[in-house]
Amino acid sequence: MDEAVAALREAFGTAYVEHTGGGCFSIYVPIEGMGVLSVGDMHGPLGDSNHGWGVELIDPDGDYAGPVCNVPDRSVPKLVEALRAFLRDGTRTGLTHHDLVCMRRDQHHADTGHFVNPAHAGDPECIECQEIHQGFQADEQ
């Protein structure tokens, strides 16, 4: 984790670690005008699992703004490059099918107010709600 914090500080100016509970931590990288990049592993905060790197964006209001990237092999240079690509042109590297379904769900909710999750199909009259729900069901198979 120290190598990642040092590389993120060098690349983006600021990076710091915060305890998130139990034996887990996250690395935070503030980005002017955009919010904060929250760096954990691909399954949540940094802890015992150490499954690559996973980064999410928290907007300036403190709200979740979606996944940024996944780096499955825990490479610090690949993490830094994936974040540079996101900041340069919005490229979201290594997202899973589940990440993409969640992004579609979040956008649909923002546009319509419909709420869809794996256990709730949203508005039964809405074709997009049904497609998103089917996407979640595909993840569970």
N, C-alpha and C. Protein backbone atom coordinates (compact mmCIF):
# COMPACT_ATOMS: atom_id res chain seq x y z
N MET A 1 0.82 -1.19 0.00
CA MET A 1 0.00 0.00 0.00
C MET A 1 0.87 1.25 0.00
N ASP A 2 2.00 1.22 0.69
CA ASP A 2 2.89 2.39 0.73
C ASP A 2 3.39 2.77 -0.66
N GLU A 3 3.71 1.76 -1.48
CA GLU A 3 4.17 2.03 -2.84
C GLU A 3 3.07 2.73 -3.64
N ALA A 4 1.84 2.28 -3.48
CA ALA A 4 0.72 2.90 -4.21
C ALA A 4 0.50 4.34 -3.76
N VAL A 5 0.53 4.58 -2.47
CA VAL A 5 0.32 5.94 -1.96
C VAL A 5 1.42 6.86 -2.50
N ALA A 6 2.66 6.41 -2.46
CA ALA A 6 3.77 7.23 -2.96
C ALA A 6 3.61 7.53 -4.45
N ALA A 7 3.25 6.52 -5.23
CA ALA A 7 3.08 6.71 -6.68
C ALA A 7 1.89 7.64 -6.98
N LEU A 8 0.81 7.50 -6.22
CA LEU A 8 -0.36 8.37 -6.43
C LEU A 8 -0.05 9.81 -6.03
N ARG A 9 0.72 9.98 -4.96
CA ARG A 9 1.14 11.34 -4.57
C ARG A 9 2.00 11.97 -5.66
N GLU A 10 2.92 11.18 -6.18
CA GLU A 10 3.81 11.70 -7.23
C GLU A 10 3.01 12.08 -8.48
N ALA A 11 2.04 11.25 -8.84
CA ALA A 11 1.28 11.47 -10.07
C ALA A 11 0.21 12.56 -9.94
N PHE A 12 -0.43 12.66 -8.75
CA PHE A 12 -1.60 13.52 -8.62
C PHE A 12 -1.49 14.57 -7.52
N GLY A 13 -0.35 14.62 -6.84
CA GLY A 13 -0.12 15.67 -5.84
C GLY A 13 -0.51 15.32 -4.43
N THR A 14 -1.63 14.66 -4.24
CA THR A 14 -2.09 14.32 -2.90
C THR A 14 -2.69 12.91 -2.92
N ALA A 15 -2.37 12.15 -1.90
CA ALA A 15 -3.00 10.85 -1.67
C ALA A 15 -2.82 10.54 -0.19
N TYR A 16 -3.85 10.03 0.42
CA TYR A 16 -3.76 9.70 1.84
C TYR A 16 -4.58 8.46 2.14
N VAL A 17 -4.26 7.80 3.25
CA VAL A 17 -4.92 6.56 3.66
C VAL A 17 -5.82 6.86 4.84
N GLU A 18 -7.02 6.28 4.82
CA GLU A 18 -7.92 6.37 5.97
C GLU A 18 -8.42 4.98 6.31
N HIS A 19 -8.56 4.75 7.61
CA HIS A 19 -9.12 3.51 8.13
C HIS A 19 -10.62 3.52 7.86
N THR A 20 -11.15 2.44 7.29
CA THR A 20 -12.58 2.39 6.97
C THR A 20 -13.35 1.43 7.86
N GLY A 21 -12.69 0.84 8.84
CA GLY A 21 -13.36 -0.08 9.76
C GLY A 21 -12.67 -1.44 9.76
N GLY A 22 -12.69 -2.10 10.91
CA GLY A 22 -12.04 -3.40 11.02
C GLY A 22 -10.58 -3.29 10.64
N GLY A 23 -10.12 -4.20 9.80
CA GLY A 23 -8.75 -4.15 9.31
C GLY A 23 -8.65 -3.56 7.92
N CYS A 24 -9.61 -2.73 7.55
CA CYS A 24 -9.69 -2.23 6.17
C CYS A 24 -9.33 -0.75 6.07
N PHE A 25 -8.78 -0.41 4.91
CA PHE A 25 -8.34 0.96 4.63
C PHE A 25 -8.71 1.31 3.19
N SER A 26 -8.76 2.58 2.89
CA SER A 26 -8.88 3.06 1.51
C SER A 26 -7.85 4.17 1.31
N ILE A 27 -7.41 4.29 0.08
CA ILE A 27 -6.53 5.40 -0.31
C ILE A 27 -7.42 6.43 -1.00
N TYR A 28 -7.29 7.68 -0.62
CA TYR A 28 -8.09 8.75 -1.21
C TYR A 28 -7.19 9.71 -1.98
N VAL A 29 -7.63 10.06 -3.19
CA VAL A 29 -6.90 10.97 -4.06
C VAL A 29 -7.84 12.11 -4.45
N PRO A 30 -7.73 13.28 -3.80
CA PRO A 30 -8.59 14.41 -4.17
C PRO A 30 -8.23 14.94 -5.55
N ILE A 31 -9.25 15.22 -6.36
CA ILE A 31 -9.07 15.77 -7.70
C ILE A 31 -9.88 17.06 -7.78
N GLU A 32 -9.20 18.17 -7.98
CA GLU A 32 -9.84 19.49 -8.01
C GLU A 32 -11.02 19.52 -8.98
N GLY A 33 -12.17 19.94 -8.49
CA GLY A 33 -13.36 20.10 -9.31
C GLY A 33 -14.11 18.83 -9.64
N MET A 34 -13.54 17.69 -9.28
CA MET A 34 -14.16 16.41 -9.63
C MET A 34 -14.62 15.65 -8.40
N GLY A 35 -13.90 15.80 -7.30
CA GLY A 35 -14.21 15.06 -6.09
C GLY A 35 -13.00 14.29 -5.60
N VAL A 36 -13.23 13.06 -5.19
CA VAL A 36 -12.17 12.23 -4.62
C VAL A 36 -12.22 10.85 -5.26
N LEU A 37 -11.06 10.35 -5.65
CA LEU A 37 -10.95 8.98 -6.11
C LEU A 37 -10.70 8.11 -4.89
N SER A 38 -11.54 7.11 -4.68
CA SER A 38 -11.43 6.19 -3.56
C SER A 38 -10.84 4.89 -4.08
N VAL A 39 -9.64 4.57 -3.63
CA VAL A 39 -8.91 3.40 -4.12
C VAL A 39 -8.98 2.30 -3.08
N GLY A 40 -9.51 1.16 -3.49
CA GLY A 40 -9.55 -0.03 -2.65
C GLY A 40 -9.15 -1.22 -3.49
N ASP A 41 -9.61 -2.41 -3.08
CA ASP A 41 -9.40 -3.54 -3.98
C ASP A 41 -10.66 -3.72 -4.82
N MET A 42 -10.68 -4.69 -5.68
CA MET A 42 -11.80 -4.84 -6.61
C MET A 42 -13.09 -5.24 -5.92
N HIS A 43 -13.02 -5.60 -4.64
CA HIS A 43 -14.21 -6.04 -3.91
C HIS A 43 -14.53 -5.14 -2.72
N GLY A 44 -13.90 -3.99 -2.61
CA GLY A 44 -14.19 -3.09 -1.49
C GLY A 44 -12.92 -2.43 -1.00
N PRO A 45 -12.88 -2.11 0.31
CA PRO A 45 -11.68 -1.45 0.86
C PRO A 45 -10.46 -2.37 0.82
N LEU A 46 -9.30 -1.80 1.02
CA LEU A 46 -8.07 -2.58 1.11
C LEU A 46 -8.09 -3.34 2.43
N GLY A 47 -7.85 -4.62 2.36
CA GLY A 47 -7.87 -5.43 3.56
C GLY A 47 -7.23 -6.77 3.28
N ASP A 48 -7.87 -7.82 3.75
CA ASP A 48 -7.31 -9.15 3.63
C ASP A 48 -7.39 -9.74 2.22
N SER A 49 -8.36 -9.31 1.41
CA SER A 49 -8.58 -9.99 0.13
C SER A 49 -7.54 -9.64 -0.93
N ASN A 50 -7.14 -8.38 -1.01
CA ASN A 50 -6.11 -7.94 -1.96
C ASN A 50 -6.36 -8.42 -3.39
N HIS A 51 -7.58 -8.24 -3.88
CA HIS A 51 -7.94 -8.58 -5.25
C HIS A 51 -7.76 -7.36 -6.13
N GLY A 52 -6.56 -7.14 -6.61
CA GLY A 52 -6.29 -6.04 -7.52
C GLY A 52 -6.58 -4.68 -6.91
N TRP A 53 -6.81 -3.71 -7.79
CA TRP A 53 -7.19 -2.36 -7.38
C TRP A 53 -8.57 -2.06 -7.96
N GLY A 54 -9.40 -1.43 -7.19
CA GLY A 54 -10.69 -0.94 -7.67
C GLY A 54 -10.81 0.52 -7.25
N VAL A 55 -11.24 1.38 -8.16
CA VAL A 55 -11.34 2.81 -7.86
C VAL A 55 -12.75 3.29 -8.17
N GLU A 56 -13.29 4.08 -7.24
CA GLU A 56 -14.60 4.70 -7.42
C GLU A 56 -14.46 6.19 -7.24
N LEU A 57 -15.35 6.94 -7.86
CA LEU A 57 -15.36 8.39 -7.75
C LEU A 57 -16.43 8.82 -6.76
N ILE A 58 -16.04 9.70 -5.84
CA ILE A 58 -16.97 10.36 -4.93
C ILE A 58 -17.01 11.82 -5.38
N ASP A 59 -18.21 12.32 -5.71
CA ASP A 59 -18.28 13.68 -6.26
C ASP A 59 -18.05 14.74 -5.18
N PRO A 60 -17.93 16.01 -5.56
CA PRO A 60 -17.63 17.07 -4.58
C PRO A 60 -18.67 17.19 -3.46
N ASP A 61 -19.90 16.71 -3.69
CA ASP A 61 -20.93 16.74 -2.65
C ASP A 61 -20.85 15.54 -1.73
N GLY A 62 -19.91 14.62 -2.00
CA GLY A 62 -19.77 13.42 -1.18
C GLY A 62 -20.63 12.26 -1.63
N ASP A 63 -21.26 12.38 -2.80
CA ASP A 63 -22.10 11.32 -3.33
C ASP A 63 -21.29 10.38 -4.23
N TYR A 64 -21.68 9.12 -4.21
CA TYR A 64 -21.06 8.12 -5.08
C TYR A 64 -21.31 8.49 -6.54
N ALA A 65 -20.25 8.50 -7.34
CA ALA A 65 -20.38 8.89 -8.75
C ALA A 65 -19.93 7.78 -9.70
N GLY A 66 -19.80 6.56 -9.20
CA GLY A 66 -19.55 5.43 -10.08
C GLY A 66 -18.14 4.89 -10.07
N PRO A 67 -17.98 3.71 -10.67
CA PRO A 67 -16.67 3.09 -10.76
C PRO A 67 -15.80 3.80 -11.79
N VAL A 68 -14.51 3.83 -11.52
CA VAL A 68 -13.54 4.47 -12.41
C VAL A 68 -12.71 3.41 -13.14
N CYS A 69 -12.17 2.44 -12.38
CA CYS A 69 -11.35 1.41 -13.01
C CYS A 69 -11.17 0.22 -12.09
N ASN A 70 -10.77 -0.88 -12.69
CA ASN A 70 -10.32 -2.08 -11.98
C ASN A 70 -8.99 -2.50 -12.59
N VAL A 71 -8.04 -2.84 -11.73
CA VAL A 71 -6.74 -3.36 -12.17
C VAL A 71 -6.55 -4.69 -11.45
N PRO A 72 -6.80 -5.82 -12.13
CA PRO A 72 -6.84 -7.11 -11.45
C PRO A 72 -5.52 -7.59 -10.86
N ASP A 73 -4.37 -7.14 -11.38
CA ASP A 73 -3.11 -7.74 -10.94
C ASP A 73 -2.36 -6.95 -9.88
N ARG A 74 -2.94 -5.92 -9.34
CA ARG A 74 -2.36 -5.12 -8.25
C ARG A 74 -1.10 -4.36 -8.69
N SER A 75 -0.99 -4.07 -9.98
CA SER A 75 0.14 -3.31 -10.50
C SER A 75 -0.06 -1.82 -10.20
N VAL A 76 0.88 -1.22 -9.50
CA VAL A 76 0.80 0.21 -9.20
C VAL A 76 0.94 1.05 -10.47
N PRO A 77 1.90 0.75 -11.37
CA PRO A 77 1.98 1.53 -12.61
C PRO A 77 0.69 1.46 -13.44
N LYS A 78 0.06 0.28 -13.50
CA LYS A 78 -1.20 0.16 -14.25
C LYS A 78 -2.32 0.96 -13.57
N LEU A 79 -2.33 0.99 -12.25
CA LEU A 79 -3.30 1.80 -11.51
C LEU A 79 -3.14 3.27 -11.86
N VAL A 80 -1.92 3.77 -11.79
CA VAL A 80 -1.66 5.18 -12.09
C VAL A 80 -2.06 5.50 -13.53
N GLU A 81 -1.72 4.62 -14.48
CA GLU A 81 -2.07 4.86 -15.88
C GLU A 81 -3.58 4.84 -16.09
N ALA A 82 -4.29 3.93 -15.43
CA ALA A 82 -5.75 3.88 -15.55
C ALA A 82 -6.38 5.17 -15.02
N LEU A 83 -5.85 5.69 -13.92
CA LEU A 83 -6.38 6.95 -13.37
C LEU A 83 -6.04 8.13 -14.27
N ARG A 84 -4.85 8.12 -14.84
CA ARG A 84 -4.50 9.19 -15.80
C ARG A 84 -5.44 9.16 -17.01
N ALA A 85 -5.75 7.98 -17.51
CA ALA A 85 -6.66 7.86 -18.66
C ALA A 85 -8.04 8.39 -18.30
N PHE A 86 -8.52 8.08 -17.11
CA PHE A 86 -9.83 8.57 -16.68
C PHE A 86 -9.83 10.10 -16.59
N LEU A 87 -8.80 10.66 -16.00
CA LEU A 87 -8.74 12.11 -15.85
C LEU A 87 -8.50 12.82 -17.18
N ARG A 88 -7.78 12.17 -18.07
CA ARG A 88 -7.48 12.77 -19.37
C ARG A 88 -8.71 12.81 -20.27
N ASP A 89 -9.42 11.66 -20.37
CA ASP A 89 -10.51 11.60 -21.36
C ASP A 89 -11.73 10.80 -20.93
N GLY A 90 -11.80 10.45 -19.65
CA GLY A 90 -12.98 9.74 -19.15
C GLY A 90 -12.96 8.24 -19.35
N THR A 91 -11.84 7.69 -19.84
CA THR A 91 -11.74 6.25 -20.06
C THR A 91 -11.86 5.52 -18.73
N ARG A 92 -12.74 4.55 -18.68
CA ARG A 92 -12.93 3.72 -17.49
C ARG A 92 -12.40 2.32 -17.81
N THR A 93 -11.25 1.98 -17.24
CA THR A 93 -10.49 0.78 -17.57
C THR A 93 -10.94 -0.41 -16.74
N GLY A 94 -11.14 -1.56 -17.39
CA GLY A 94 -11.33 -2.82 -16.69
C GLY A 94 -12.64 -2.99 -15.96
N LEU A 95 -13.67 -2.25 -16.33
CA LEU A 95 -14.94 -2.39 -15.63
C LEU A 95 -15.58 -3.74 -15.91
N THR A 96 -16.22 -4.29 -14.90
CA THR A 96 -16.90 -5.58 -15.03
C THR A 96 -18.30 -5.37 -15.59
N HIS A 97 -18.93 -6.45 -15.99
CA HIS A 97 -20.33 -6.39 -16.43
C HIS A 97 -21.19 -5.77 -15.33
N HIS A 98 -20.96 -6.18 -14.09
CA HIS A 98 -21.73 -5.64 -12.97
C HIS A 98 -21.54 -4.12 -12.85
N ASP A 99 -20.31 -3.65 -13.00
CA ASP A 99 -20.05 -2.20 -12.96
C ASP A 99 -20.88 -1.48 -14.02
N LEU A 100 -20.90 -2.03 -15.23
CA LEU A 100 -21.62 -1.40 -16.33
C LEU A 100 -23.12 -1.40 -16.09
N VAL A 101 -23.65 -2.50 -15.54
CA VAL A 101 -25.08 -2.55 -15.22
C VAL A 101 -25.40 -1.51 -14.14
N CYS A 102 -24.54 -1.40 -13.14
CA CYS A 102 -24.77 -0.41 -12.07
C CYS A 102 -24.73 1.02 -12.62
N MET A 103 -23.81 1.30 -13.54
CA MET A 103 -23.76 2.64 -14.14
C MET A 103 -25.04 2.93 -14.92
N ARG A 104 -25.51 1.93 -15.67
CA ARG A 104 -26.76 2.12 -16.42
C ARG A 104 -27.92 2.33 -15.46
N ARG A 105 -27.97 1.55 -14.37
CA ARG A 105 -29.01 1.70 -13.37
C ARG A 105 -28.99 3.09 -12.76
N ASP A 106 -27.81 3.56 -12.39
CA ASP A 106 -27.68 4.88 -11.76
C ASP A 106 -28.14 5.99 -12.70
N GLN A 107 -27.77 5.90 -13.98
CA GLN A 107 -28.19 6.91 -14.95
C GLN A 107 -29.71 6.86 -15.16
N HIS A 108 -30.26 5.66 -15.25
CA HIS A 108 -31.71 5.51 -15.43
C HIS A 108 -32.46 6.08 -14.23
N HIS A 109 -31.94 5.82 -13.04
CA HIS A 109 -32.57 6.37 -11.83
C HIS A 109 -32.52 7.90 -11.85
N ALA A 110 -31.38 8.46 -12.23
CA ALA A 110 -31.25 9.92 -12.30
C ALA A 110 -32.22 10.51 -13.33
N ASP A 111 -32.42 9.80 -14.44
CA ASP A 111 -33.30 10.30 -15.51
C ASP A 111 -34.78 10.14 -15.20
N THR A 112 -35.15 9.04 -14.50
CA THR A 112 -36.57 8.70 -14.36
C THR A 112 -37.06 8.60 -12.92
N GLY A 113 -36.13 8.41 -11.97
CA GLY A 113 -36.53 8.15 -10.59
C GLY A 113 -36.85 6.69 -10.33
N HIS A 114 -36.76 5.84 -11.36
CA HIS A 114 -37.02 4.41 -11.18
C HIS A 114 -35.85 3.78 -10.43
N PHE A 115 -36.15 2.85 -9.54
CA PHE A 115 -35.11 2.18 -8.77
C PHE A 115 -35.11 0.70 -9.11
N VAL A 116 -33.97 0.20 -9.54
CA VAL A 116 -33.81 -1.21 -9.91
C VAL A 116 -32.62 -1.77 -9.14
N ASN A 117 -32.76 -2.99 -8.62
CA ASN A 117 -31.63 -3.70 -8.04
C ASN A 117 -31.84 -5.19 -8.30
N PRO A 118 -30.93 -6.06 -7.87
CA PRO A 118 -31.10 -7.48 -8.19
C PRO A 118 -32.41 -8.07 -7.67
N ALA A 119 -32.95 -7.53 -6.57
CA ALA A 119 -34.18 -8.08 -5.99
C ALA A 119 -35.44 -7.30 -6.37
N HIS A 120 -35.28 -6.18 -7.04
CA HIS A 120 -36.44 -5.32 -7.36
C HIS A 120 -36.33 -4.87 -8.82
N ALA A 121 -37.35 -5.19 -9.61
CA ALA A 121 -37.29 -4.93 -11.05
C ALA A 121 -37.71 -3.52 -11.44
N GLY A 122 -37.89 -2.63 -10.49
CA GLY A 122 -38.25 -1.26 -10.83
C GLY A 122 -39.67 -1.16 -11.34
N ASP A 123 -39.91 -0.27 -12.27
CA ASP A 123 -41.23 -0.05 -12.85
C ASP A 123 -41.54 -1.18 -13.83
N PRO A 124 -42.57 -2.00 -13.55
CA PRO A 124 -42.86 -3.14 -14.43
C PRO A 124 -43.26 -2.74 -15.85
N GLU A 125 -43.64 -1.49 -16.05
CA GLU A 125 -44.03 -1.00 -17.37
C GLU A 125 -42.83 -0.48 -18.17
N CYS A 126 -41.68 -0.34 -17.52
CA CYS A 126 -40.51 0.30 -18.14
C CYS A 126 -39.58 -0.77 -18.72
N ILE A 127 -39.38 -0.71 -20.02
CA ILE A 127 -38.52 -1.69 -20.70
C ILE A 127 -37.08 -1.59 -20.19
N GLU A 128 -36.58 -0.37 -19.98
CA GLU A 128 -35.20 -0.23 -19.51
C GLU A 128 -35.03 -0.82 -18.12
N CYS A 129 -36.01 -0.61 -17.23
CA CYS A 129 -35.94 -1.23 -15.89
C CYS A 129 -35.82 -2.74 -16.02
N GLN A 130 -36.60 -3.33 -16.91
CA GLN A 130 -36.58 -4.78 -17.08
C GLN A 130 -35.23 -5.25 -17.63
N GLU A 131 -34.66 -4.50 -18.58
CA GLU A 131 -33.35 -4.86 -19.13
C GLU A 131 -32.25 -4.76 -18.07
N ILE A 132 -32.30 -3.71 -17.25
CA ILE A 132 -31.31 -3.56 -16.18
C ILE A 132 -31.44 -4.70 -15.18
N HIS A 133 -32.68 -5.01 -14.80
CA HIS A 133 -32.91 -6.11 -13.86
C HIS A 133 -32.37 -7.43 -14.44
N GLN A 134 -32.58 -7.66 -15.73
CA GLN A 134 -32.05 -8.87 -16.37
C GLN A 134 -30.52 -8.87 -16.35
N GLY A 135 -29.91 -7.69 -16.47
CA GLY A 135 -28.46 -7.59 -16.37
C GLY A 135 -27.95 -8.01 -15.00
N PHE A 136 -28.67 -7.59 -13.95
CA PHE A 136 -28.30 -8.02 -12.60
C PHE A 136 -28.48 -9.53 -12.45
N GLN A 137 -29.56 -10.08 -13.00
CA GLN A 137 -29.80 -11.51 -12.90
C GLN A 137 -28.70 -12.29 -13.61
N ALA A 138 -28.21 -11.79 -14.74
CA ALA A 138 -27.12 -12.45 -15.47
C ALA A 138 -25.85 -12.49 -14.63
N ASP A 139 -25.62 -11.45 -13.81
CA ASP A 139 -24.45 -11.43 -12.94
C ASP A 139 -24.50 -12.54 -11.91
N GLU A 140 -25.69 -12.92 -11.49
CA GLU A 140 -25.84 -13.90 -10.41
C GLU A 140 -25.74 -15.33 -10.90
N GLN A 141 -25.72 -15.52 -12.22
CA GLN A 141 -25.66 -16.90 -12.75
C GLN A 141 -24.25 -17.36 -12.93
